[in-house]
Amino acid sequence: MLLTTLLAAIAGCSSQNHPNAALQAPVVYQTASTPSPSWVFGPSAPLPAGFPRPGPVGEIIIKQYPASRIALVDRDQRHQDSGGLFMPLFRHIEKNHIAMSSPVVMTYQDSAQDRAVMASMAFVYPSEATGQLQTDGSVKVENVPPMMVVSIGVRGGYTASRFLKASGKLYLWLAEHKTQFIAAGQARYLAYNSPFVPPPFQYGEVQIPIEPVKPAQ
């Protein structure tokens, strides 16, 4: 596998001071029946059952995801980079005859140097009914409940700096819409393309799980 080309080296934190004018996109709820925008480079593998189509590049939207099943590897002493996270997942789906789907889901954490470090990588099973819940070495197969996310499409290689820049926009959007939504989980990076797609043409989404603000009692 040409894994080292899947993700660029971890980059420094980009500034999160973005003009408010860039965050005024209307709220658009996107479901599985929403057509894929023609300007989005197509995913390199089929989407899991019920997953919404990729959203437009640079536009902040809200998407609803169904319950799903994932194979997950967390970063530890043995799995320090994207290669160490990817290969156990690939061996797992190959051994268990699980079809590859798109996107691959990544999360990050901050290091002492204030730089984003990949914390986990997950493959999404084709459907929630595929396979079985298990622990397979460093791979954990678990179910994920339905979720609503605020999402922005991004173009370019899957780098930590691109993740930080996009997630910064989403957190500013949440601050502007704090009377409507609150964060309900950590930000994640969805990678839709294989290493064979040149980095300038790769497409991803950065998302934050959210939930509506409950009315005051």
N, C-alpha and C. Protein backbone atom coordinates (compact mmCIF):
# COMPACT_ATOMS: atom_id res chain seq x y z
N MET A 1 0.85 -1.20 0.00
CA MET A 1 0.00 0.00 0.00
C MET A 1 0.88 1.24 0.00
N LEU A 2 0.46 2.19 -0.81
CA LEU A 2 1.20 3.45 -0.82
C LEU A 2 0.63 4.35 0.25
N LEU A 3 0.71 3.87 1.47
CA LEU A 3 0.01 4.53 2.56
C LEU A 3 0.55 5.89 2.88
N THR A 4 1.85 6.06 2.73
CA THR A 4 2.43 7.33 3.14
C THR A 4 1.90 8.49 2.33
N THR A 5 1.31 8.20 1.16
CA THR A 5 0.73 9.28 0.36
C THR A 5 -0.71 9.56 0.74
N LEU A 6 -1.30 8.73 1.61
CA LEU A 6 -2.70 8.95 1.99
C LEU A 6 -2.84 10.22 2.80
N LEU A 7 -1.92 10.44 3.70
CA LEU A 7 -1.99 11.61 4.58
C LEU A 7 -0.65 12.30 4.58
N ALA A 8 -0.63 13.59 4.49
CA ALA A 8 0.64 14.32 4.56
C ALA A 8 1.13 14.35 5.99
N ALA A 9 2.38 14.72 6.17
CA ALA A 9 2.95 14.80 7.51
C ALA A 9 2.19 15.79 8.36
N ILE A 10 2.16 15.53 9.66
CA ILE A 10 1.44 16.41 10.57
C ILE A 10 2.03 17.81 10.49
N ALA A 11 1.13 18.79 10.31
CA ALA A 11 1.59 20.17 10.14
C ALA A 11 1.21 20.99 11.35
N GLY A 12 1.80 22.18 11.43
CA GLY A 12 1.55 23.08 12.56
C GLY A 12 0.15 23.63 12.53
N CYS A 13 -0.25 24.14 13.66
CA CYS A 13 -1.59 24.70 13.80
C CYS A 13 -1.71 25.98 12.98
N SER A 14 -2.77 26.05 12.15
CA SER A 14 -3.02 27.26 11.39
C SER A 14 -3.85 28.23 12.21
N SER A 15 -3.78 29.48 11.87
CA SER A 15 -4.55 30.49 12.58
C SER A 15 -6.03 30.23 12.41
N GLN A 16 -6.81 30.48 13.47
CA GLN A 16 -8.26 30.27 13.41
C GLN A 16 -8.98 31.61 13.39
N ASN A 17 -8.31 32.69 13.05
CA ASN A 17 -8.95 33.99 12.95
C ASN A 17 -9.46 34.16 11.53
N HIS A 18 -10.72 33.78 11.30
CA HIS A 18 -11.28 33.82 9.97
C HIS A 18 -12.32 34.93 9.89
N PRO A 19 -12.44 35.59 8.74
CA PRO A 19 -13.45 36.64 8.59
C PRO A 19 -14.85 36.07 8.78
N ASN A 20 -15.70 36.78 9.52
CA ASN A 20 -17.06 36.32 9.73
C ASN A 20 -17.82 36.19 8.41
N ALA A 21 -17.43 36.99 7.41
CA ALA A 21 -18.13 36.94 6.13
C ALA A 21 -18.06 35.55 5.51
N ALA A 22 -17.03 34.78 5.84
CA ALA A 22 -16.87 33.45 5.24
C ALA A 22 -17.75 32.42 5.91
N LEU A 23 -18.46 32.80 6.99
CA LEU A 23 -19.22 31.82 7.76
C LEU A 23 -20.72 32.01 7.64
N GLN A 24 -21.17 32.79 6.67
CA GLN A 24 -22.58 33.14 6.59
C GLN A 24 -23.38 32.23 5.67
N ALA A 25 -22.84 31.07 5.31
CA ALA A 25 -23.59 30.15 4.46
C ALA A 25 -24.86 29.71 5.18
N PRO A 26 -25.97 29.58 4.45
CA PRO A 26 -27.22 29.16 5.09
C PRO A 26 -27.13 27.74 5.61
N VAL A 27 -27.93 27.43 6.60
CA VAL A 27 -27.99 26.07 7.14
C VAL A 27 -28.76 25.20 6.14
N VAL A 28 -28.13 24.14 5.68
CA VAL A 28 -28.75 23.23 4.72
C VAL A 28 -28.70 21.82 5.30
N TYR A 29 -29.84 21.20 5.46
CA TYR A 29 -29.87 19.83 5.96
C TYR A 29 -29.72 18.89 4.78
N GLN A 30 -28.72 18.01 4.87
CA GLN A 30 -28.42 17.13 3.76
C GLN A 30 -28.63 15.68 4.20
N THR A 31 -29.43 14.93 3.46
CA THR A 31 -29.75 13.56 3.80
C THR A 31 -29.20 12.62 2.74
N ALA A 32 -29.45 11.33 2.93
CA ALA A 32 -28.93 10.33 2.00
C ALA A 32 -29.50 10.50 0.60
N SER A 33 -30.66 11.14 0.47
CA SER A 33 -31.28 11.29 -0.84
C SER A 33 -30.78 12.51 -1.60
N THR A 34 -29.94 13.34 -0.95
CA THR A 34 -29.44 14.53 -1.61
C THR A 34 -28.46 14.16 -2.71
N PRO A 35 -28.66 14.66 -3.94
CA PRO A 35 -27.72 14.33 -5.03
C PRO A 35 -26.31 14.83 -4.72
N SER A 36 -25.32 14.13 -5.23
CA SER A 36 -23.94 14.56 -5.05
C SER A 36 -23.67 15.78 -5.92
N PRO A 37 -23.14 16.88 -5.34
CA PRO A 37 -22.83 18.05 -6.16
C PRO A 37 -21.85 17.70 -7.26
N SER A 38 -22.07 18.23 -8.45
CA SER A 38 -21.27 17.85 -9.60
C SER A 38 -19.82 18.30 -9.48
N TRP A 39 -19.53 19.30 -8.62
CA TRP A 39 -18.16 19.81 -8.52
C TRP A 39 -17.33 19.06 -7.48
N VAL A 40 -17.89 18.04 -6.86
CA VAL A 40 -17.16 17.24 -5.88
C VAL A 40 -16.57 16.02 -6.56
N PHE A 41 -15.26 15.81 -6.41
CA PHE A 41 -14.62 14.60 -6.95
C PHE A 41 -15.21 13.38 -6.26
N GLY A 42 -15.63 12.40 -7.03
CA GLY A 42 -16.36 11.28 -6.47
C GLY A 42 -15.55 10.46 -5.49
N PRO A 43 -16.22 9.87 -4.48
CA PRO A 43 -15.52 8.99 -3.52
C PRO A 43 -14.84 7.82 -4.24
N SER A 44 -13.73 7.34 -3.68
CA SER A 44 -12.97 6.26 -4.30
C SER A 44 -13.55 4.89 -4.00
N ALA A 45 -14.54 4.81 -3.11
CA ALA A 45 -15.22 3.55 -2.78
C ALA A 45 -16.67 3.89 -2.47
N PRO A 46 -17.57 2.89 -2.50
CA PRO A 46 -18.98 3.18 -2.23
C PRO A 46 -19.20 3.74 -0.82
N LEU A 47 -20.22 4.58 -0.68
CA LEU A 47 -20.59 5.09 0.63
C LEU A 47 -21.30 3.99 1.42
N PRO A 48 -21.16 3.98 2.76
CA PRO A 48 -21.93 3.05 3.58
C PRO A 48 -23.43 3.28 3.42
N ALA A 49 -24.22 2.29 3.73
CA ALA A 49 -25.67 2.37 3.56
C ALA A 49 -26.23 3.57 4.33
N GLY A 50 -27.00 4.39 3.64
CA GLY A 50 -27.69 5.51 4.28
C GLY A 50 -26.85 6.75 4.50
N PHE A 51 -25.56 6.71 4.17
CA PHE A 51 -24.70 7.88 4.39
C PHE A 51 -25.08 8.99 3.41
N PRO A 52 -25.09 10.25 3.88
CA PRO A 52 -25.37 11.36 2.97
C PRO A 52 -24.22 11.58 2.00
N ARG A 53 -24.55 12.14 0.87
CA ARG A 53 -23.55 12.42 -0.15
C ARG A 53 -22.58 13.50 0.32
N PRO A 54 -21.38 13.57 -0.28
CA PRO A 54 -20.45 14.63 0.06
C PRO A 54 -21.05 16.01 -0.18
N GLY A 55 -20.67 16.96 0.66
CA GLY A 55 -21.18 18.32 0.54
C GLY A 55 -20.26 19.20 -0.29
N PRO A 56 -20.70 20.40 -0.61
CA PRO A 56 -19.92 21.31 -1.45
C PRO A 56 -18.64 21.78 -0.75
N VAL A 57 -17.62 22.04 -1.54
CA VAL A 57 -16.36 22.55 -1.01
C VAL A 57 -16.57 23.97 -0.48
N GLY A 58 -16.10 24.20 0.76
CA GLY A 58 -16.13 25.54 1.32
C GLY A 58 -17.45 25.99 1.88
N GLU A 59 -18.49 25.17 1.81
CA GLU A 59 -19.82 25.56 2.31
C GLU A 59 -20.13 24.82 3.60
N ILE A 60 -20.57 25.54 4.61
CA ILE A 60 -20.94 24.94 5.89
C ILE A 60 -22.38 24.50 5.83
N ILE A 61 -22.60 23.22 6.06
CA ILE A 61 -23.95 22.64 6.02
C ILE A 61 -24.14 21.74 7.24
N ILE A 62 -25.36 21.28 7.42
CA ILE A 62 -25.68 20.32 8.48
C ILE A 62 -26.12 19.02 7.82
N LYS A 63 -25.56 17.91 8.30
CA LYS A 63 -25.85 16.60 7.74
C LYS A 63 -26.31 15.64 8.84
N GLN A 64 -27.17 14.71 8.45
CA GLN A 64 -27.66 13.70 9.38
C GLN A 64 -27.13 12.34 8.96
N TYR A 65 -26.49 11.62 9.90
CA TYR A 65 -25.93 10.30 9.62
C TYR A 65 -26.74 9.22 10.33
N PRO A 66 -26.93 8.07 9.66
CA PRO A 66 -27.62 6.96 10.32
C PRO A 66 -26.68 6.22 11.27
N ALA A 67 -27.22 5.29 12.03
CA ALA A 67 -26.38 4.40 12.83
C ALA A 67 -25.45 3.64 11.89
N SER A 68 -24.26 3.36 12.37
CA SER A 68 -23.28 2.68 11.51
C SER A 68 -22.40 1.77 12.36
N ARG A 69 -21.58 0.99 11.69
CA ARG A 69 -20.61 0.10 12.35
C ARG A 69 -19.22 0.44 11.82
N ILE A 70 -18.27 0.60 12.73
CA ILE A 70 -16.92 0.98 12.32
C ILE A 70 -15.89 0.01 12.88
N ALA A 71 -14.76 -0.07 12.20
CA ALA A 71 -13.56 -0.73 12.71
C ALA A 71 -12.59 0.39 13.06
N LEU A 72 -12.13 0.45 14.30
CA LEU A 72 -11.40 1.60 14.84
C LEU A 72 -10.05 1.18 15.41
N VAL A 73 -9.02 1.98 15.13
CA VAL A 73 -7.72 1.81 15.76
C VAL A 73 -7.33 3.14 16.41
N ASP A 74 -6.98 3.09 17.69
CA ASP A 74 -6.53 4.28 18.41
C ASP A 74 -5.01 4.36 18.37
N ARG A 75 -4.49 5.57 18.39
CA ARG A 75 -3.04 5.78 18.42
C ARG A 75 -2.48 5.30 19.75
N ASP A 76 -1.38 4.54 19.70
CA ASP A 76 -0.69 4.13 20.91
C ASP A 76 0.80 3.99 20.58
N GLN A 77 1.56 3.33 21.44
CA GLN A 77 3.00 3.22 21.23
C GLN A 77 3.35 2.45 19.96
N ARG A 78 2.50 1.51 19.58
CA ARG A 78 2.77 0.72 18.37
C ARG A 78 2.24 1.39 17.11
N HIS A 79 1.23 2.22 17.27
CA HIS A 79 0.58 2.84 16.12
C HIS A 79 0.69 4.35 16.27
N GLN A 80 1.79 4.90 15.74
CA GLN A 80 2.14 6.29 15.98
C GLN A 80 1.76 7.23 14.84
N ASP A 81 1.51 6.71 13.64
CA ASP A 81 1.24 7.59 12.52
C ASP A 81 0.13 6.99 11.65
N SER A 82 -0.16 7.65 10.54
CA SER A 82 -1.24 7.18 9.68
C SER A 82 -0.99 5.77 9.17
N GLY A 83 0.29 5.43 8.88
CA GLY A 83 0.61 4.09 8.42
C GLY A 83 0.32 3.04 9.47
N GLY A 84 0.72 3.33 10.70
CA GLY A 84 0.49 2.39 11.78
C GLY A 84 -0.98 2.20 12.11
N LEU A 85 -1.80 3.20 11.81
CA LEU A 85 -3.24 3.09 12.04
C LEU A 85 -3.93 2.41 10.87
N PHE A 86 -3.50 2.71 9.67
CA PHE A 86 -4.18 2.20 8.47
C PHE A 86 -4.00 0.70 8.28
N MET A 87 -2.78 0.21 8.42
CA MET A 87 -2.52 -1.18 8.07
C MET A 87 -3.29 -2.19 8.91
N PRO A 88 -3.42 -2.02 10.24
CA PRO A 88 -4.25 -2.97 10.99
C PRO A 88 -5.70 -2.98 10.49
N LEU A 89 -6.22 -1.82 10.11
CA LEU A 89 -7.59 -1.75 9.60
C LEU A 89 -7.69 -2.48 8.26
N PHE A 90 -6.72 -2.26 7.39
CA PHE A 90 -6.76 -2.91 6.09
C PHE A 90 -6.66 -4.44 6.24
N ARG A 91 -5.76 -4.90 7.11
CA ARG A 91 -5.64 -6.35 7.33
C ARG A 91 -6.92 -6.92 7.91
N HIS A 92 -7.58 -6.15 8.79
CA HIS A 92 -8.82 -6.61 9.41
C HIS A 92 -9.92 -6.82 8.37
N ILE A 93 -10.15 -5.84 7.51
CA ILE A 93 -11.25 -5.99 6.54
C ILE A 93 -10.90 -7.05 5.50
N GLU A 94 -9.60 -7.18 5.17
CA GLU A 94 -9.20 -8.20 4.21
C GLU A 94 -9.42 -9.59 4.79
N LYS A 95 -9.03 -9.79 6.04
CA LYS A 95 -9.18 -11.10 6.69
C LYS A 95 -10.64 -11.48 6.86
N ASN A 96 -11.48 -10.48 7.15
CA ASN A 96 -12.90 -10.74 7.41
C ASN A 96 -13.79 -10.55 6.19
N HIS A 97 -13.16 -10.33 5.03
CA HIS A 97 -13.90 -10.19 3.77
C HIS A 97 -14.93 -9.07 3.84
N ILE A 98 -14.52 -7.94 4.39
CA ILE A 98 -15.37 -6.76 4.48
C ILE A 98 -15.00 -5.83 3.34
N ALA A 99 -15.98 -5.40 2.57
CA ALA A 99 -15.70 -4.51 1.44
C ALA A 99 -15.27 -3.13 1.94
N MET A 100 -14.29 -2.55 1.25
CA MET A 100 -13.85 -1.20 1.58
C MET A 100 -14.95 -0.21 1.22
N SER A 101 -15.18 0.76 2.10
CA SER A 101 -16.14 1.83 1.82
C SER A 101 -15.43 3.17 1.98
N SER A 102 -16.13 4.21 1.65
CA SER A 102 -15.61 5.57 1.76
C SER A 102 -16.65 6.40 2.50
N PRO A 103 -16.26 7.23 3.46
CA PRO A 103 -14.92 7.73 3.75
C PRO A 103 -14.22 6.97 4.87
N VAL A 104 -12.90 7.22 5.01
CA VAL A 104 -12.13 6.85 6.18
C VAL A 104 -12.25 8.01 7.17
N VAL A 105 -12.48 7.68 8.45
CA VAL A 105 -12.75 8.71 9.46
C VAL A 105 -11.54 8.83 10.39
N MET A 106 -11.04 10.06 10.55
CA MET A 106 -9.87 10.32 11.39
C MET A 106 -10.19 11.37 12.44
N THR A 107 -9.60 11.20 13.63
CA THR A 107 -9.69 12.23 14.66
C THR A 107 -8.28 12.63 15.07
N TYR A 108 -8.18 13.79 15.71
CA TYR A 108 -6.88 14.35 16.09
C TYR A 108 -6.90 14.79 17.54
N GLN A 109 -5.72 14.88 18.11
CA GLN A 109 -5.55 15.46 19.44
C GLN A 109 -4.38 16.43 19.38
N ASP A 110 -4.29 17.34 20.37
CA ASP A 110 -3.21 18.32 20.41
C ASP A 110 -2.04 17.75 21.19
N SER A 111 -0.84 17.98 20.69
CA SER A 111 0.36 17.56 21.40
C SER A 111 0.87 18.71 22.25
N ALA A 112 1.94 18.45 22.98
CA ALA A 112 2.53 19.48 23.84
C ALA A 112 3.03 20.65 23.00
N GLN A 113 3.35 20.43 21.75
CA GLN A 113 3.84 21.49 20.87
C GLN A 113 2.70 22.22 20.18
N ASP A 114 1.45 21.98 20.64
CA ASP A 114 0.28 22.64 20.08
C ASP A 114 0.13 22.33 18.59
N ARG A 115 0.42 21.08 18.24
CA ARG A 115 0.24 20.62 16.88
C ARG A 115 -0.72 19.45 16.90
N ALA A 116 -1.57 19.37 15.87
CA ALA A 116 -2.53 18.28 15.82
C ALA A 116 -1.83 16.96 15.53
N VAL A 117 -2.17 15.94 16.31
CA VAL A 117 -1.61 14.60 16.16
C VAL A 117 -2.79 13.64 15.94
N MET A 118 -2.66 12.77 14.96
CA MET A 118 -3.75 11.85 14.69
C MET A 118 -3.99 10.95 15.89
N ALA A 119 -5.25 10.90 16.34
CA ALA A 119 -5.60 10.13 17.53
C ALA A 119 -6.25 8.79 17.19
N SER A 120 -6.96 8.72 16.06
CA SER A 120 -7.63 7.47 15.69
C SER A 120 -7.93 7.48 14.21
N MET A 121 -8.14 6.27 13.68
CA MET A 121 -8.58 6.10 12.30
C MET A 121 -9.61 4.99 12.29
N ALA A 122 -10.65 5.15 11.48
CA ALA A 122 -11.71 4.15 11.42
C ALA A 122 -12.16 3.92 9.99
N PHE A 123 -12.42 2.65 9.68
CA PHE A 123 -13.11 2.28 8.44
C PHE A 123 -14.58 2.09 8.81
N VAL A 124 -15.47 2.54 7.95
CA VAL A 124 -16.90 2.34 8.17
C VAL A 124 -17.33 1.10 7.40
N TYR A 125 -17.98 0.16 8.09
CA TYR A 125 -18.49 -1.03 7.42
C TYR A 125 -19.57 -0.63 6.40
N PRO A 126 -19.78 -1.44 5.37
CA PRO A 126 -20.80 -1.10 4.36
C PRO A 126 -22.19 -0.88 4.93
N SER A 127 -22.52 -1.58 6.03
CA SER A 127 -23.80 -1.37 6.70
C SER A 127 -23.67 -1.76 8.16
N GLU A 128 -24.63 -1.35 8.97
CA GLU A 128 -24.60 -1.67 10.39
C GLU A 128 -24.77 -3.17 10.62
N ALA A 129 -25.35 -3.88 9.64
CA ALA A 129 -25.57 -5.32 9.78
C ALA A 129 -24.38 -6.14 9.31
N THR A 130 -23.35 -5.50 8.77
CA THR A 130 -22.19 -6.23 8.26
C THR A 130 -21.30 -6.70 9.40
N GLY A 131 -20.82 -7.94 9.32
CA GLY A 131 -19.85 -8.43 10.30
C GLY A 131 -20.42 -8.55 11.69
N GLN A 132 -19.54 -8.48 12.69
CA GLN A 132 -19.96 -8.61 14.08
C GLN A 132 -19.08 -7.75 14.97
N LEU A 133 -19.62 -7.39 16.13
CA LEU A 133 -18.85 -6.64 17.11
C LEU A 133 -17.76 -7.53 17.66
N GLN A 134 -16.53 -7.02 17.71
CA GLN A 134 -15.42 -7.84 18.18
C GLN A 134 -14.20 -6.96 18.44
N THR A 135 -13.21 -7.55 19.08
CA THR A 135 -11.88 -6.96 19.18
C THR A 135 -10.93 -7.87 18.43
N ASP A 136 -10.26 -7.31 17.45
CA ASP A 136 -9.37 -8.07 16.58
C ASP A 136 -7.98 -7.45 16.68
N GLY A 137 -7.20 -7.90 17.67
CA GLY A 137 -5.91 -7.27 17.92
C GLY A 137 -6.10 -5.83 18.35
N SER A 138 -5.53 -4.89 17.62
CA SER A 138 -5.68 -3.47 17.95
C SER A 138 -6.94 -2.86 17.35
N VAL A 139 -7.69 -3.64 16.59
CA VAL A 139 -8.89 -3.14 15.93
C VAL A 139 -10.12 -3.44 16.78
N LYS A 140 -10.91 -2.41 17.03
CA LYS A 140 -12.17 -2.57 17.75
C LYS A 140 -13.33 -2.32 16.79
N VAL A 141 -14.24 -3.28 16.71
CA VAL A 141 -15.44 -3.11 15.88
C VAL A 141 -16.58 -2.71 16.81
N GLU A 142 -17.15 -1.54 16.56
CA GLU A 142 -18.19 -1.02 17.44
C GLU A 142 -19.26 -0.30 16.63
N ASN A 143 -20.43 -0.16 17.24
CA ASN A 143 -21.54 0.54 16.61
C ASN A 143 -21.51 2.02 16.99
N VAL A 144 -21.88 2.85 16.05
CA VAL A 144 -21.96 4.29 16.26
C VAL A 144 -23.42 4.71 16.12
N PRO A 145 -23.97 5.43 17.09
CA PRO A 145 -25.38 5.84 16.99
C PRO A 145 -25.57 6.91 15.93
N PRO A 146 -26.81 7.14 15.51
CA PRO A 146 -27.07 8.22 14.55
C PRO A 146 -26.54 9.54 15.09
N MET A 147 -26.13 10.42 14.18
CA MET A 147 -25.62 11.71 14.62
C MET A 147 -25.92 12.80 13.61
N MET A 148 -26.04 14.00 14.14
CA MET A 148 -26.12 15.21 13.31
C MET A 148 -24.77 15.89 13.41
N VAL A 149 -24.29 16.44 12.29
CA VAL A 149 -23.00 17.11 12.27
C VAL A 149 -23.11 18.43 11.52
N VAL A 150 -22.26 19.38 11.89
CA VAL A 150 -22.03 20.54 11.04
C VAL A 150 -20.77 20.22 10.26
N SER A 151 -20.78 20.48 8.96
CA SER A 151 -19.77 19.93 8.06
C SER A 151 -19.33 20.97 7.04
N ILE A 152 -18.06 20.88 6.63
CA ILE A 152 -17.56 21.72 5.55
C ILE A 152 -16.70 20.86 4.62
N GLY A 153 -16.93 20.96 3.32
CA GLY A 153 -16.14 20.23 2.35
C GLY A 153 -14.82 20.94 2.11
N VAL A 154 -13.74 20.16 1.99
CA VAL A 154 -12.41 20.73 1.78
C VAL A 154 -11.72 20.00 0.62
N ARG A 155 -10.96 20.74 -0.14
CA ARG A 155 -10.21 20.18 -1.26
C ARG A 155 -8.73 20.18 -0.93
N GLY A 156 -8.02 19.10 -1.25
CA GLY A 156 -6.58 19.03 -1.04
C GLY A 156 -6.20 17.83 -0.19
N GLY A 157 -4.90 17.59 -0.08
CA GLY A 157 -4.39 16.45 0.68
C GLY A 157 -4.85 16.46 2.12
N TYR A 158 -4.90 15.28 2.72
CA TYR A 158 -5.44 15.12 4.07
C TYR A 158 -4.38 15.44 5.13
N THR A 159 -4.19 16.71 5.38
CA THR A 159 -3.19 17.17 6.32
C THR A 159 -3.83 17.70 7.60
N ALA A 160 -3.05 17.67 8.68
CA ALA A 160 -3.54 18.19 9.95
C ALA A 160 -3.79 19.69 9.87
N SER A 161 -2.96 20.41 9.13
CA SER A 161 -3.16 21.85 9.02
C SER A 161 -4.47 22.17 8.31
N ARG A 162 -4.83 21.39 7.30
CA ARG A 162 -6.11 21.61 6.62
C ARG A 162 -7.26 21.27 7.56
N PHE A 163 -7.11 20.22 8.35
CA PHE A 163 -8.13 19.87 9.33
C PHE A 163 -8.32 21.01 10.35
N LEU A 164 -7.22 21.55 10.86
CA LEU A 164 -7.31 22.61 11.86
C LEU A 164 -7.95 23.87 11.30
N LYS A 165 -7.61 24.22 10.08
CA LYS A 165 -8.20 25.41 9.46
C LYS A 165 -9.70 25.25 9.29
N ALA A 166 -10.13 24.07 8.79
CA ALA A 166 -11.56 23.84 8.56
C ALA A 166 -12.32 23.72 9.87
N SER A 167 -11.77 23.02 10.85
CA SER A 167 -12.46 22.88 12.13
C SER A 167 -12.57 24.23 12.83
N GLY A 168 -11.56 25.10 12.65
CA GLY A 168 -11.66 26.44 13.20
C GLY A 168 -12.86 27.20 12.67
N LYS A 169 -13.15 27.06 11.38
CA LYS A 169 -14.32 27.69 10.79
C LYS A 169 -15.61 27.13 11.41
N LEU A 170 -15.62 25.82 11.64
CA LEU A 170 -16.82 25.20 12.21
C LEU A 170 -17.05 25.66 13.65
N TYR A 171 -15.99 25.77 14.44
CA TYR A 171 -16.15 26.23 15.82
C TYR A 171 -16.62 27.68 15.85
N LEU A 172 -16.14 28.51 14.92
CA LEU A 172 -16.64 29.87 14.85
C LEU A 172 -18.11 29.89 14.45
N TRP A 173 -18.48 29.00 13.51
CA TRP A 173 -19.89 28.89 13.12
C TRP A 173 -20.76 28.50 14.32
N LEU A 174 -20.27 27.55 15.11
CA LEU A 174 -21.02 27.15 16.30
C LEU A 174 -21.16 28.30 17.29
N ALA A 175 -20.11 29.09 17.43
CA ALA A 175 -20.18 30.25 18.33
C ALA A 175 -21.24 31.23 17.85
N GLU A 176 -21.36 31.40 16.54
CA GLU A 176 -22.35 32.30 15.99
C GLU A 176 -23.77 31.74 16.08
N HIS A 177 -23.90 30.42 16.19
CA HIS A 177 -25.21 29.77 16.25
C HIS A 177 -25.42 29.07 17.60
N LYS A 178 -24.86 29.63 18.65
CA LYS A 178 -24.90 28.98 19.96
C LYS A 178 -26.30 28.90 20.54
N THR A 179 -27.22 29.70 20.05
CA THR A 179 -28.60 29.60 20.54
C THR A 179 -29.36 28.47 19.85
N GLN A 180 -28.76 27.90 18.79
CA GLN A 180 -29.42 26.82 18.04
C GLN A 180 -28.77 25.46 18.26
N PHE A 181 -27.41 25.42 18.29
CA PHE A 181 -26.71 24.14 18.35
C PHE A 181 -25.54 24.21 19.32
N ILE A 182 -25.19 23.03 19.86
CA ILE A 182 -23.99 22.90 20.67
C ILE A 182 -23.20 21.69 20.16
N ALA A 183 -21.89 21.71 20.39
CA ALA A 183 -21.05 20.57 20.00
C ALA A 183 -21.41 19.36 20.86
N ALA A 184 -21.43 18.18 20.23
CA ALA A 184 -21.79 16.96 20.93
C ALA A 184 -20.74 15.88 20.76
N GLY A 185 -19.52 16.27 20.40
CA GLY A 185 -18.45 15.30 20.20
C GLY A 185 -17.25 16.00 19.59
N GLN A 186 -16.17 15.23 19.37
CA GLN A 186 -14.95 15.82 18.85
C GLN A 186 -14.99 15.94 17.33
N ALA A 187 -14.24 16.90 16.81
CA ALA A 187 -14.17 17.10 15.37
C ALA A 187 -13.54 15.88 14.70
N ARG A 188 -13.92 15.64 13.46
CA ARG A 188 -13.39 14.51 12.71
C ARG A 188 -13.15 14.91 11.27
N TYR A 189 -12.26 14.17 10.60
CA TYR A 189 -11.88 14.43 9.22
C TYR A 189 -12.28 13.20 8.40
N LEU A 190 -13.11 13.37 7.40
CA LEU A 190 -13.55 12.29 6.54
C LEU A 190 -12.78 12.34 5.22
N ALA A 191 -12.03 11.27 4.92
CA ALA A 191 -11.23 11.20 3.70
C ALA A 191 -11.93 10.30 2.69
N TYR A 192 -12.28 10.84 1.55
CA TYR A 192 -13.07 10.12 0.55
C TYR A 192 -12.24 9.48 -0.56
N ASN A 193 -11.00 9.89 -0.72
CA ASN A 193 -10.24 9.44 -1.88
C ASN A 193 -9.06 8.56 -1.50
N SER A 194 -8.66 7.70 -2.43
CA SER A 194 -7.54 6.80 -2.24
C SER A 194 -6.22 7.54 -2.49
N PRO A 195 -5.09 6.92 -2.14
CA PRO A 195 -3.79 7.54 -2.41
C PRO A 195 -3.51 7.76 -3.89
N PHE A 196 -4.26 7.07 -4.76
CA PHE A 196 -4.01 7.20 -6.19
C PHE A 196 -4.62 8.47 -6.78
N VAL A 197 -5.43 9.18 -5.99
CA VAL A 197 -5.93 10.49 -6.40
C VAL A 197 -4.89 11.53 -5.99
N PRO A 198 -4.38 12.32 -6.91
CA PRO A 198 -3.36 13.32 -6.55
C PRO A 198 -3.87 14.24 -5.45
N PRO A 199 -3.02 14.58 -4.47
CA PRO A 199 -3.46 15.40 -3.34
C PRO A 199 -4.23 16.66 -3.71
N PRO A 200 -3.84 17.41 -4.76
CA PRO A 200 -4.62 18.62 -5.06
C PRO A 200 -6.08 18.36 -5.40
N PHE A 201 -6.39 17.12 -5.82
CA PHE A 201 -7.75 16.79 -6.22
C PHE A 201 -8.50 15.99 -5.15
N GLN A 202 -7.84 15.64 -4.07
CA GLN A 202 -8.50 14.87 -3.03
C GLN A 202 -9.58 15.70 -2.35
N TYR A 203 -10.64 15.03 -1.95
CA TYR A 203 -11.78 15.69 -1.31
C TYR A 203 -12.02 15.08 0.06
N GLY A 204 -12.34 15.93 1.02
CA GLY A 204 -12.68 15.47 2.36
C GLY A 204 -13.71 16.39 2.98
N GLU A 205 -14.18 16.00 4.15
CA GLU A 205 -15.08 16.83 4.94
C GLU A 205 -14.57 16.88 6.37
N VAL A 206 -14.60 18.04 6.96
CA VAL A 206 -14.33 18.18 8.39
C VAL A 206 -15.67 18.44 9.06
N GLN A 207 -15.93 17.73 10.16
CA GLN A 207 -17.24 17.76 10.80
C GLN A 207 -17.12 17.83 12.31
N ILE A 208 -18.16 18.39 12.93
CA ILE A 208 -18.30 18.37 14.38
C ILE A 208 -19.69 17.85 14.70
N PRO A 209 -19.81 16.77 15.48
CA PRO A 209 -21.15 16.33 15.91
C PRO A 209 -21.83 17.43 16.71
N ILE A 210 -23.13 17.62 16.47
CA ILE A 210 -23.88 18.67 17.16
C ILE A 210 -25.24 18.14 17.61
N GLU A 211 -25.86 18.90 18.48
CA GLU A 211 -27.24 18.63 18.86
C GLU A 211 -27.94 19.97 19.07
N PRO A 212 -29.27 20.00 18.85
CA PRO A 212 -29.99 21.26 19.05
C PRO A 212 -29.98 21.70 20.51
N VAL A 213 -29.99 22.99 20.72
CA VAL A 213 -30.09 23.53 22.08
C VAL A 213 -31.50 23.28 22.59
N LYS A 214 -31.61 22.73 23.78
CA LYS A 214 -32.92 22.46 24.35
C LYS A 214 -33.56 23.74 24.87
N PRO A 215 -34.86 23.92 24.64
CA PRO A 215 -35.53 25.12 25.12
C PRO A 215 -35.44 25.23 26.64
N ALA A 216 -35.32 26.45 27.13
CA ALA A 216 -35.27 26.66 28.58
C ALA A 216 -36.58 26.24 29.22
N GLN A 217 -36.47 25.59 30.37
CA GLN A 217 -37.66 25.12 31.09
C GLN A 217 -38.29 26.24 31.89
